[in-house]
Amino acid sequence: MESAAARSRTEIRSLVRAQLEVLLEQNNLEGAKALLVPVQPADIADAIEDLPRQQQALAFRLLSKDEAIEVYENIDTNVQQLLLEELKSQEVLEIVDSMSPDDRVRLFDELPAKVVRQLLVQMSHQEREATAMMLGYEADTAGRIMTPEYIALKEVMTVSASLDYIRSLAEVKETIYYLYTTDQARRLRGILSLRDLVVARPQQTIGEIMTRDVVALQTDADQEEVARVIQRYDFLAVPIVDREERLVGIVTVDDILDVIEAEATEDIYAQGGVQTGDGDDYFQTNLLTVARRRVLWLLVLLVTNTGTSAVISSQQDVLQEVVALTAFIPLLIGTGGNVGAQSSTVVIRGLNTDRIRSLGPAKVIAREATAGLFLGLMLAAVVAVWAYWLQGDISVSISVGISLAAISVLASTAGSSLPLLFQKIGLDPALMSAPFITTAVDVLGVFIYLSVARAIILN
């Protein structure tokens, strides 16, 4: 349930957007500028995103240079690209050159290569080098999402000198809450928090108060691993080092929140068999492209589910003998699909959060199979009674009950084992599991049901 505070923020954003659009339509630029003064940059970004396209650049130009940079970093990448087209080249260069390196790289990932090259050439030497370095790392790795804007100290520096040094750099660094100690070769040697520095005596050295046991990740670490480390240790940032243990950047918690949202969205889409391009916004993608991506697994299911038809055709003698059996086929395979989806969901989530590593694959599958058995027995008891009440045939009732229990075990086993299998062979568990679980449960479920019915009714 949405909190009162959250509702209030949503209402404020909606009100700002509506008032801003009216003022811009009236060409009341001074009024629009005054309206935006007390508004948070993130809320201004939301308001600009919701404006008609022809008003977005006009509203953005009302902001001061410093505020424009912060607002631009919060705007959706699709709108960022539109603003690049609308703004003058000098305005674009000033904004891009002043962006945080990680936000700039995120923008460049969405831009055509030709535009990126043009912007890189015009940027300052320092920002160009930082951006080029990060673009050199693989997508979705720590190196690609880190920022080189950290503060590094030396062990021999005193607390007093360090505080003066931090004050001189605070305005241009992304965070000063964590401070890192490096040697002459930039190798990471220790870490301390700003709190550690503030409470220490002025003449103490950094080497005396820093923590030498540092949790760090390499540049090629997957961004999901970065998220797990930050979550596990409650960090505000985690240092990133290269193969020679040299400190090259940090990943902050605000960037990881974006990663977590993106990864969760990707997994949810994949579980539904909805493929999206890297970084694509599903709701802003061309409908023909959406349909083309979604049809893949639907065609796979369409073809493979002919196996269900084949099973039914091969068991026509049973169905002709007891026509009432057909009424329960949708119920059985539907329930099996639901049980399998539940198992695959918890296993895929456990893989993403690394919570099932301690159990091991065998225990995970056994646990889900047992849960499927319990579920099957409980559901079977209810459905068997319901089947008897509907048909008045005890043999049909028993067939339905036994089949439902067996299908539940099958579905939960498939739902837990297939994600683990696909991960083992290097495929995306979320993308591959849903179609295969549905197909396996449909085909094998019908086969189990009609086989049980044959054994009970015809023998």
Protein backbone atom coordinates (compact mmCIF):
# COMPACT_ATOMS: atom_id res chain seq x y z
CA MET A 1 0.00 0.00 0.00
CA GLU A 2 1.33 3.42 -0.95
CA SER A 3 2.20 5.57 2.07
CA ALA A 4 0.72 9.03 2.66
CA ALA A 5 4.18 10.56 2.10
CA ALA A 6 4.58 8.72 -1.20
CA ARG A 7 1.10 9.80 -2.31
CA SER A 8 1.97 13.36 -1.40
CA ARG A 9 5.15 13.28 -3.51
CA THR A 10 3.21 11.79 -6.44
CA GLU A 11 0.55 14.47 -6.14
CA ILE A 12 3.20 17.20 -6.00
CA ARG A 13 4.89 15.89 -9.15
CA SER A 14 1.55 15.73 -10.98
CA LEU A 15 0.67 19.25 -9.88
CA VAL A 16 4.07 20.63 -10.94
CA ARG A 17 3.80 18.98 -14.35
CA ALA A 18 0.27 20.28 -14.93
CA GLN A 19 1.15 23.83 -13.83
CA LEU A 20 4.39 23.81 -15.83
CA GLU A 21 2.58 22.74 -19.01
CA VAL A 22 -0.03 25.51 -18.59
CA LEU A 23 2.63 28.19 -17.97
CA LEU A 24 4.64 27.08 -21.01
CA GLU A 25 1.50 27.10 -23.19
CA GLN A 26 0.89 30.68 -22.03
CA ASN A 27 4.53 31.52 -22.77
CA ASN A 28 4.89 32.61 -19.14
CA LEU A 29 8.56 31.66 -18.85
CA GLU A 30 9.22 33.67 -15.71
CA GLY A 31 6.31 31.99 -13.95
CA ALA A 32 7.53 28.55 -15.08
CA LYS A 33 11.05 29.31 -13.88
CA ALA A 34 9.77 30.45 -10.47
CA LEU A 35 7.62 27.30 -10.23
CA LEU A 36 10.67 25.05 -10.59
CA VAL A 37 12.89 26.85 -8.05
CA PRO A 38 11.74 24.95 -4.91
CA VAL A 39 11.28 21.59 -6.70
CA GLN A 40 13.75 18.71 -6.27
CA PRO A 41 15.83 17.88 -9.39
CA ALA A 42 14.41 14.36 -9.57
CA ASP A 43 10.87 15.73 -9.52
CA ILE A 44 11.74 18.30 -12.19
CA ALA A 45 13.09 15.45 -14.31
CA ASP A 46 9.78 13.57 -13.94
CA ALA A 47 7.82 16.68 -14.85
CA ILE A 48 9.91 17.31 -17.99
CA GLU A 49 9.57 13.66 -19.07
CA ASP A 50 5.76 13.98 -18.95
CA LEU A 51 5.61 17.21 -20.98
CA PRO A 52 4.80 17.20 -24.70
CA ARG A 53 7.99 16.82 -26.74
CA GLN A 54 7.96 20.40 -28.05
CA GLN A 55 7.92 21.74 -24.47
CA GLN A 56 10.66 19.54 -22.99
CA ALA A 57 13.65 21.48 -24.31
CA LEU A 58 11.94 24.80 -23.47
CA ALA A 59 11.40 23.75 -19.84
CA PHE A 60 14.94 22.41 -19.58
CA ARG A 61 16.42 25.72 -20.75
CA LEU A 62 14.75 27.49 -17.81
CA LEU A 63 17.12 25.75 -15.38
CA SER A 64 20.42 27.14 -14.19
CA LYS A 65 23.54 25.37 -15.45
CA ASP A 66 24.23 23.49 -12.20
CA GLU A 67 20.59 22.48 -11.78
CA ALA A 68 20.32 21.48 -15.44
CA ILE A 69 23.18 19.00 -15.04
CA GLU A 70 21.61 17.35 -12.01
CA VAL A 71 18.16 17.24 -13.63
CA TYR A 72 19.60 15.82 -16.84
CA GLU A 73 21.23 12.94 -14.95
CA ASN A 74 17.79 12.00 -13.57
CA ILE A 75 15.94 12.12 -16.88
CA ASP A 76 15.08 8.94 -18.78
CA THR A 77 17.64 8.13 -21.48
CA ASN A 78 15.06 8.41 -24.25
CA VAL A 79 14.27 12.00 -23.23
CA GLN A 80 17.98 12.70 -22.77
CA GLN A 81 18.52 11.81 -26.42
CA LEU A 82 15.63 14.05 -27.52
CA LEU A 83 17.11 16.96 -25.56
CA LEU A 84 20.48 16.42 -27.23
CA GLU A 85 18.76 16.88 -30.57
CA GLU A 86 16.92 20.02 -29.45
CA LEU A 87 19.71 21.83 -27.58
CA LYS A 88 22.52 23.76 -29.20
CA SER A 89 25.84 21.94 -29.54
CA GLN A 90 27.56 24.13 -26.92
CA GLU A 91 24.77 23.54 -24.40
CA VAL A 92 25.01 19.80 -25.03
CA LEU A 93 28.77 19.79 -24.58
CA GLU A 94 28.63 21.70 -21.30
CA ILE A 95 26.02 19.32 -19.88
CA VAL A 96 27.71 16.11 -21.03
CA ASP A 97 31.15 17.29 -19.89
CA SER A 98 29.78 18.09 -16.40
CA MET A 99 27.85 14.85 -15.89
CA SER A 100 29.06 12.18 -13.50
CA PRO A 101 31.19 9.68 -15.48
CA ASP A 102 28.89 6.73 -14.72
CA ASP A 103 25.78 8.68 -15.77
CA ARG A 104 27.59 9.85 -18.91
CA VAL A 105 28.54 6.28 -19.84
CA ARG A 106 24.93 5.18 -19.32
CA LEU A 107 23.84 7.88 -21.75
CA PHE A 108 26.56 6.99 -24.28
CA ASP A 109 25.43 3.37 -24.24
CA GLU A 110 22.11 4.54 -25.70
CA LEU A 111 23.49 6.96 -28.29
CA PRO A 112 24.62 6.09 -31.84
CA ALA A 113 28.37 5.43 -32.05
CA LYS A 114 28.85 8.40 -34.40
CA VAL A 115 27.30 10.81 -31.87
CA VAL A 116 29.42 9.36 -29.05
CA ARG A 117 32.61 9.86 -31.06
CA GLN A 118 31.68 13.48 -31.80
CA LEU A 119 30.99 14.20 -28.14
CA LEU A 120 34.17 12.48 -26.94
CA VAL A 121 36.33 14.59 -29.24
CA GLN A 122 34.87 17.82 -27.85
CA MET A 123 35.05 16.88 -24.16
CA SER A 124 37.81 17.96 -21.82
CA HIS A 125 40.87 15.68 -21.75
CA GLN A 126 40.23 14.47 -18.20
CA GLU A 127 36.57 13.63 -18.76
CA ARG A 128 37.32 12.04 -22.13
CA GLU A 129 39.91 9.72 -20.59
CA ALA A 130 37.60 8.73 -17.72
CA THR A 131 34.71 8.02 -20.08
CA ALA A 132 36.83 6.10 -22.59
CA MET A 133 38.23 3.94 -19.79
CA MET A 134 34.76 2.99 -18.56
CA LEU A 135 33.42 2.38 -22.06
CA GLY A 136 36.29 -0.09 -22.51
CA TYR A 137 34.78 -2.47 -19.95
CA GLU A 138 32.16 -5.05 -20.79
CA ALA A 139 28.51 -4.09 -20.36
CA ASP A 140 26.87 -5.04 -17.03
CA THR A 141 30.20 -5.24 -15.20
CA ALA A 142 31.51 -3.28 -12.23
CA GLY A 143 33.89 -1.35 -14.49
CA ARG A 144 31.02 -0.12 -16.64
CA ILE A 145 28.89 1.25 -13.77
CA MET A 146 31.63 2.57 -11.44
CA THR A 147 32.65 6.21 -11.08
CA PRO A 148 36.29 7.33 -10.87
CA GLU A 149 35.24 10.26 -8.68
CA TYR A 150 36.50 9.03 -5.31
CA ILE A 151 38.94 10.45 -2.77
CA ALA A 152 42.21 8.60 -2.19
CA LEU A 153 44.49 9.38 0.75
CA LYS A 154 48.01 8.30 1.72
CA GLU A 155 48.86 6.45 4.93
CA VAL A 156 51.32 9.11 6.06
CA MET A 157 48.80 11.96 5.85
CA THR A 158 47.54 13.35 9.14
CA VAL A 159 43.86 13.62 9.97
CA SER A 160 44.07 17.42 9.89
CA ALA A 161 45.74 17.49 6.46
CA SER A 162 43.29 14.91 5.15
CA LEU A 163 40.28 17.00 6.15
CA ASP A 164 41.73 20.01 4.36
CA TYR A 165 42.35 17.84 1.30
CA ILE A 166 38.79 16.51 1.36
CA ARG A 167 37.32 20.02 1.61
CA SER A 168 39.23 21.02 -1.53
CA LEU A 169 37.78 18.09 -3.52
CA ALA A 170 34.32 17.60 -2.00
CA GLU A 171 32.53 19.61 -4.68
CA VAL A 172 33.85 17.55 -7.59
CA LYS A 173 33.71 14.05 -6.09
CA GLU A 174 30.58 11.91 -6.12
CA THR A 175 30.90 10.83 -2.50
CA ILE A 176 33.17 11.61 0.44
CA TYR A 177 31.59 9.27 2.97
CA TYR A 178 34.10 6.53 2.23
CA LEU A 179 37.79 7.37 1.85
CA TYR A 180 40.37 5.05 0.35
CA THR A 181 44.07 4.67 1.03
CA THR A 182 46.42 3.88 -1.84
CA ASP A 183 50.18 3.52 -2.24
CA GLN A 184 52.40 5.18 -4.84
CA ALA A 185 51.26 2.68 -7.49
CA ARG A 186 47.56 3.39 -6.68
CA ARG A 187 47.14 -0.06 -5.16
CA LEU A 188 44.32 -0.18 -2.61
CA ARG A 189 45.68 -0.48 0.94
CA GLY A 190 42.85 0.51 3.25
CA ILE A 191 39.53 2.21 3.80
CA LEU A 192 37.99 4.51 6.39
CA SER A 193 34.76 6.41 6.73
CA LEU A 194 34.37 10.15 7.07
CA ARG A 195 33.11 9.48 10.59
CA ASP A 196 36.38 7.69 11.44
CA LEU A 197 38.26 10.75 10.25
CA VAL A 198 36.11 13.28 12.10
CA VAL A 199 36.37 11.53 15.49
CA ALA A 200 40.13 10.87 15.23
CA ARG A 201 42.76 13.15 16.77
CA PRO A 202 44.12 15.79 14.35
CA GLN A 203 47.73 14.52 14.49
CA GLN A 204 46.93 10.85 13.96
CA THR A 205 47.94 9.43 10.58
CA ILE A 206 45.59 7.74 8.15
CA GLY A 207 47.59 4.53 8.49
CA GLU A 208 46.75 4.43 12.21
CA ILE A 209 42.99 4.68 11.84
CA MET A 210 42.20 3.00 8.52
CA THR A 211 40.85 -0.53 8.09
CA ARG A 212 43.21 -2.75 6.13
CA ASP A 213 40.75 -5.59 5.58
CA VAL A 214 39.02 -4.14 2.52
CA VAL A 215 36.18 -5.76 0.58
CA ALA A 216 36.78 -4.90 -3.08
CA LEU A 217 35.71 -6.24 -6.46
CA GLN A 218 37.49 -6.38 -9.78
CA THR A 219 36.40 -4.43 -12.83
CA ASP A 220 35.08 -7.55 -14.59
CA ALA A 221 32.77 -8.55 -11.70
CA ASP A 222 29.13 -8.83 -12.75
CA GLN A 223 26.98 -5.90 -11.65
CA GLU A 224 24.67 -8.32 -9.79
CA GLU A 225 27.67 -9.45 -7.72
CA VAL A 226 28.34 -5.80 -6.87
CA ALA A 227 24.73 -5.46 -5.72
CA ARG A 228 25.03 -8.56 -3.52
CA VAL A 229 28.21 -7.26 -1.87
CA ILE A 230 26.69 -3.84 -1.12
CA GLN A 231 23.58 -5.52 0.29
CA ARG A 232 25.53 -8.08 2.33
CA TYR A 233 27.83 -5.57 4.02
CA ASP A 234 25.44 -2.57 4.08
CA PHE A 235 27.95 -0.47 2.14
CA LEU A 236 27.30 2.98 0.72
CA ALA A 237 29.95 2.22 -1.90
CA VAL A 238 32.31 -0.59 -2.86
CA PRO A 239 35.82 -0.05 -4.30
CA ILE A 240 36.66 -1.47 -7.74
CA VAL A 241 40.22 -2.56 -8.56
CA ASP A 242 41.95 -3.80 -11.70
CA ARG A 243 44.00 -7.00 -12.03
CA GLU A 244 47.01 -5.31 -10.39
CA GLU A 245 44.84 -4.33 -7.38
CA ARG A 246 44.98 -0.65 -8.38
CA LEU A 247 41.97 1.37 -7.33
CA VAL A 248 40.17 2.59 -10.46
CA GLY A 249 36.72 3.54 -9.18
CA ILE A 250 33.84 2.94 -6.82
CA VAL A 251 30.24 1.82 -7.27
CA THR A 252 27.81 3.75 -5.07
CA VAL A 253 24.55 2.49 -3.63
CA ASP A 254 22.41 4.85 -5.74
CA ASP A 255 23.81 3.30 -8.91
CA ILE A 256 23.18 -0.19 -7.56
CA LEU A 257 19.52 0.64 -6.93
CA ASP A 258 19.23 1.34 -10.66
CA VAL A 259 20.95 -1.98 -11.40
CA ILE A 260 18.63 -3.91 -9.08
CA GLU A 261 15.57 -2.37 -10.71
CA ALA A 262 16.86 -3.12 -14.20
CA GLU A 263 17.82 -6.72 -13.35
CA ALA A 264 14.49 -7.41 -11.62
CA THR A 265 12.59 -6.00 -14.61
CA GLU A 266 14.66 -8.10 -17.01
CA ASP A 267 14.02 -11.29 -15.01
CA ILE A 268 10.28 -10.64 -14.77
CA TYR A 269 10.04 -10.05 -18.51
CA ALA A 270 12.12 -13.15 -19.20
CA GLN A 271 9.96 -15.36 -16.98
CA GLY A 272 6.96 -14.27 -19.01
CA GLY A 273 8.75 -15.07 -22.26
CA VAL A 274 8.86 -11.36 -23.12
CA GLN A 275 12.23 -10.58 -24.66
CA THR A 276 13.48 -7.01 -24.59
CA GLY A 277 16.56 -5.45 -26.10
CA ASP A 278 19.36 -4.41 -23.76
CA GLY A 279 18.23 -1.28 -21.93
CA ASP A 280 14.96 -1.07 -23.87
CA ASP A 281 11.89 0.43 -22.23
CA TYR A 282 9.17 -2.07 -23.06
CA PHE A 283 6.38 0.52 -22.98
CA GLN A 284 8.21 2.86 -25.37
CA THR A 285 9.23 0.17 -27.85
CA ASN A 286 7.52 -0.04 -31.25
CA LEU A 287 4.52 -2.39 -31.08
CA LEU A 288 5.66 -4.38 -34.11
CA THR A 289 9.02 -4.94 -32.41
CA VAL A 290 7.23 -5.96 -29.21
CA ALA A 291 5.10 -8.48 -31.06
CA ARG A 292 8.09 -9.88 -32.94
CA ARG A 293 9.98 -10.46 -29.69
CA ARG A 294 7.04 -11.97 -27.83
CA VAL A 295 6.00 -14.33 -30.61
CA LEU A 296 9.17 -16.44 -30.32
CA TRP A 297 8.26 -18.38 -27.22
CA LEU A 298 4.59 -18.43 -28.16
CA LEU A 299 5.55 -20.24 -31.37
CA VAL A 300 7.78 -22.61 -29.39
CA LEU A 301 4.88 -23.41 -27.08
CA LEU A 302 2.48 -23.73 -29.99
CA VAL A 303 4.69 -26.30 -31.70
CA THR A 304 5.71 -28.26 -28.62
CA ASN A 305 2.18 -28.40 -27.24
CA THR A 306 1.23 -30.51 -30.23
CA GLY A 307 2.73 -33.19 -28.00
CA THR A 308 -0.31 -32.78 -25.76
CA SER A 309 -2.60 -33.36 -28.72
CA ALA A 310 -0.59 -36.43 -29.66
CA VAL A 311 -0.94 -37.88 -26.15
CA ILE A 312 -4.69 -37.28 -26.15
CA SER A 313 -5.03 -38.87 -29.58
CA SER A 314 -3.12 -41.95 -28.44
CA GLN A 315 -5.48 -42.37 -25.48
CA GLN A 316 -8.77 -41.97 -27.34
CA ASP A 317 -10.05 -45.38 -26.22
CA VAL A 318 -9.91 -44.26 -22.58
CA LEU A 319 -11.65 -40.97 -23.32
CA GLN A 320 -14.33 -42.66 -25.40
CA GLU A 321 -14.96 -45.11 -22.56
CA VAL A 322 -15.28 -42.34 -19.95
CA VAL A 323 -15.97 -39.02 -21.63
CA ALA A 324 -16.10 -37.30 -18.22
CA LEU A 325 -12.30 -37.55 -18.03
CA THR A 326 -11.91 -34.75 -20.60
CA ALA A 327 -13.57 -32.22 -18.29
CA PHE A 328 -10.62 -32.35 -15.86
CA ILE A 329 -7.71 -32.05 -18.34
CA PRO A 330 -7.59 -28.21 -18.23
CA LEU A 331 -7.80 -28.28 -14.43
CA LEU A 332 -4.90 -30.69 -14.07
CA ILE A 333 -2.47 -29.08 -16.50
CA GLY A 334 -3.43 -25.58 -15.30
CA THR A 335 -2.72 -26.52 -11.69
CA GLY A 336 0.53 -28.20 -12.70
CA GLY A 337 1.62 -25.06 -14.55
CA ASN A 338 0.85 -22.92 -11.51
CA VAL A 339 2.80 -25.19 -9.16
CA GLY A 340 5.75 -25.25 -11.56
CA ALA A 341 5.69 -21.46 -11.89
CA GLN A 342 5.80 -21.09 -8.11
CA SER A 343 8.80 -23.40 -7.81
CA SER A 344 10.68 -21.76 -10.68
CA THR A 345 10.00 -18.31 -9.25
CA VAL A 346 11.49 -19.09 -5.83
CA VAL A 347 14.49 -20.90 -7.35
CA ILE A 348 15.25 -18.14 -9.87
CA ARG A 349 14.96 -15.54 -7.13
CA GLY A 350 17.24 -17.67 -4.95
CA LEU A 351 19.79 -17.80 -7.77
CA ASN A 352 19.66 -14.02 -8.18
CA THR A 353 20.11 -13.35 -4.47
CA ASP A 354 22.60 -16.21 -3.98
CA ARG A 355 20.47 -17.59 -1.15
CA ILE A 356 20.44 -21.20 -2.34
CA ARG A 357 24.20 -21.69 -2.67
CA SER A 358 24.47 -23.12 0.85
CA LEU A 359 21.79 -25.75 0.19
CA GLY A 360 23.12 -27.06 -3.10
CA PRO A 361 21.11 -28.14 -6.17
CA ALA A 362 20.13 -31.59 -4.86
CA LYS A 363 18.64 -30.25 -1.62
CA VAL A 364 16.81 -27.46 -3.44
CA ILE A 365 15.18 -29.88 -5.89
CA ALA A 366 14.34 -32.36 -3.09
CA ARG A 367 12.83 -29.59 -1.00
CA GLU A 368 10.61 -28.37 -3.85
CA ALA A 369 9.60 -31.92 -4.82
CA THR A 370 8.52 -32.55 -1.23
CA ALA A 371 6.61 -29.28 -1.18
CA GLY A 372 4.97 -30.34 -4.44
CA LEU A 373 3.93 -33.64 -2.86
CA PHE A 374 2.33 -31.88 0.10
CA LEU A 375 0.57 -29.44 -2.21
CA GLY A 376 -0.56 -32.27 -4.47
CA LEU A 377 -2.03 -34.29 -1.60
CA MET A 378 -3.94 -31.30 -0.23
CA LEU A 379 -5.25 -30.28 -3.63
CA ALA A 380 -6.02 -33.88 -4.59
CA ALA A 381 -8.23 -34.36 -1.53
CA VAL A 382 -10.31 -31.35 -2.47
CA VAL A 383 -10.47 -32.03 -6.22
CA ALA A 384 -11.30 -35.73 -5.78
CA VAL A 385 -14.35 -34.85 -3.70
CA TRP A 386 -15.31 -32.15 -6.21
CA ALA A 387 -14.93 -34.59 -9.14
CA TYR A 388 -17.12 -37.18 -7.44
CA TRP A 389 -19.77 -34.56 -6.69
CA LEU A 390 -19.80 -33.45 -10.33
CA GLN A 391 -19.65 -36.86 -12.03
CA GLY A 392 -20.80 -39.33 -9.41
CA ASP A 393 -18.08 -41.76 -10.55
CA ILE A 394 -15.61 -42.93 -7.94
CA SER A 395 -13.11 -44.21 -10.52
CA VAL A 396 -12.95 -40.79 -12.21
CA SER A 397 -12.61 -39.13 -8.83
CA ILE A 398 -9.70 -41.38 -7.81
CA SER A 399 -8.00 -40.92 -11.20
CA VAL A 400 -8.19 -37.15 -10.91
CA GLY A 401 -6.90 -37.16 -7.31
CA ILE A 402 -3.92 -39.44 -7.94
CA SER A 403 -3.01 -37.62 -11.16
CA LEU A 404 -3.12 -34.21 -9.50
CA ALA A 405 -0.74 -35.37 -6.75
CA ALA A 406 1.68 -36.84 -9.31
CA ILE A 407 1.50 -33.77 -11.57
CA SER A 408 2.21 -31.45 -8.63
CA VAL A 409 5.37 -33.39 -7.79
CA LEU A 410 6.39 -33.38 -11.46
CA ALA A 411 5.73 -29.64 -11.82
CA SER A 412 7.60 -28.62 -8.67
CA THR A 413 10.55 -30.85 -9.62
CA ALA A 414 10.68 -29.39 -13.13
CA GLY A 415 10.20 -25.87 -11.80
CA SER A 416 13.17 -26.21 -9.45
CA SER A 417 15.53 -28.28 -11.58
CA LEU A 418 15.23 -26.54 -14.97
CA PRO A 419 16.46 -23.12 -13.76
CA LEU A 420 19.45 -24.82 -12.12
CA LEU A 421 20.13 -26.85 -15.27
CA PHE A 422 19.93 -23.83 -17.56
CA GLN A 423 22.25 -21.83 -15.33
CA LYS A 424 24.71 -24.74 -15.32
CA ILE A 425 24.90 -24.81 -19.13
CA GLY A 426 25.17 -21.03 -19.41
CA LEU A 427 21.59 -20.11 -20.38
CA ASP A 428 19.40 -17.51 -18.68
CA PRO A 429 17.29 -19.44 -16.11
CA ALA A 430 14.50 -16.87 -16.19
CA LEU A 431 14.24 -16.81 -19.98
CA MET A 432 14.43 -20.56 -20.55
CA SER A 433 12.46 -21.97 -17.62
CA ALA A 434 8.90 -20.74 -18.19
CA PRO A 435 8.31 -22.23 -21.68
CA PHE A 436 9.99 -25.53 -20.87
CA ILE A 437 8.14 -25.96 -17.58
CA THR A 438 4.81 -25.22 -19.24
CA THR A 439 5.49 -27.67 -22.06
CA ALA A 440 6.76 -30.46 -19.80
CA VAL A 441 3.83 -30.17 -17.42
CA ASP A 442 1.27 -30.01 -20.23
CA VAL A 443 2.54 -33.06 -22.14
CA LEU A 444 3.59 -35.25 -19.23
CA GLY A 445 0.63 -34.18 -17.11
CA VAL A 446 -1.89 -35.33 -19.69
CA PHE A 447 0.07 -38.56 -20.19
CA ILE A 448 0.09 -39.26 -16.42
CA TYR A 449 -3.63 -38.49 -16.09
CA LEU A 450 -4.76 -40.72 -18.93
CA SER A 451 -2.34 -43.50 -17.93
CA VAL A 452 -3.70 -43.47 -14.38
CA ALA A 453 -7.26 -43.43 -15.70
CA ARG A 454 -6.50 -46.40 -18.00
CA ALA A 455 -5.06 -48.38 -15.09
CA ILE A 456 -8.00 -47.67 -12.79
CA ILE A 457 -10.98 -47.62 -15.16
CA LEU A 458 -10.15 -50.10 -17.92
CA ASN A 459 -8.46 -52.73 -15.73
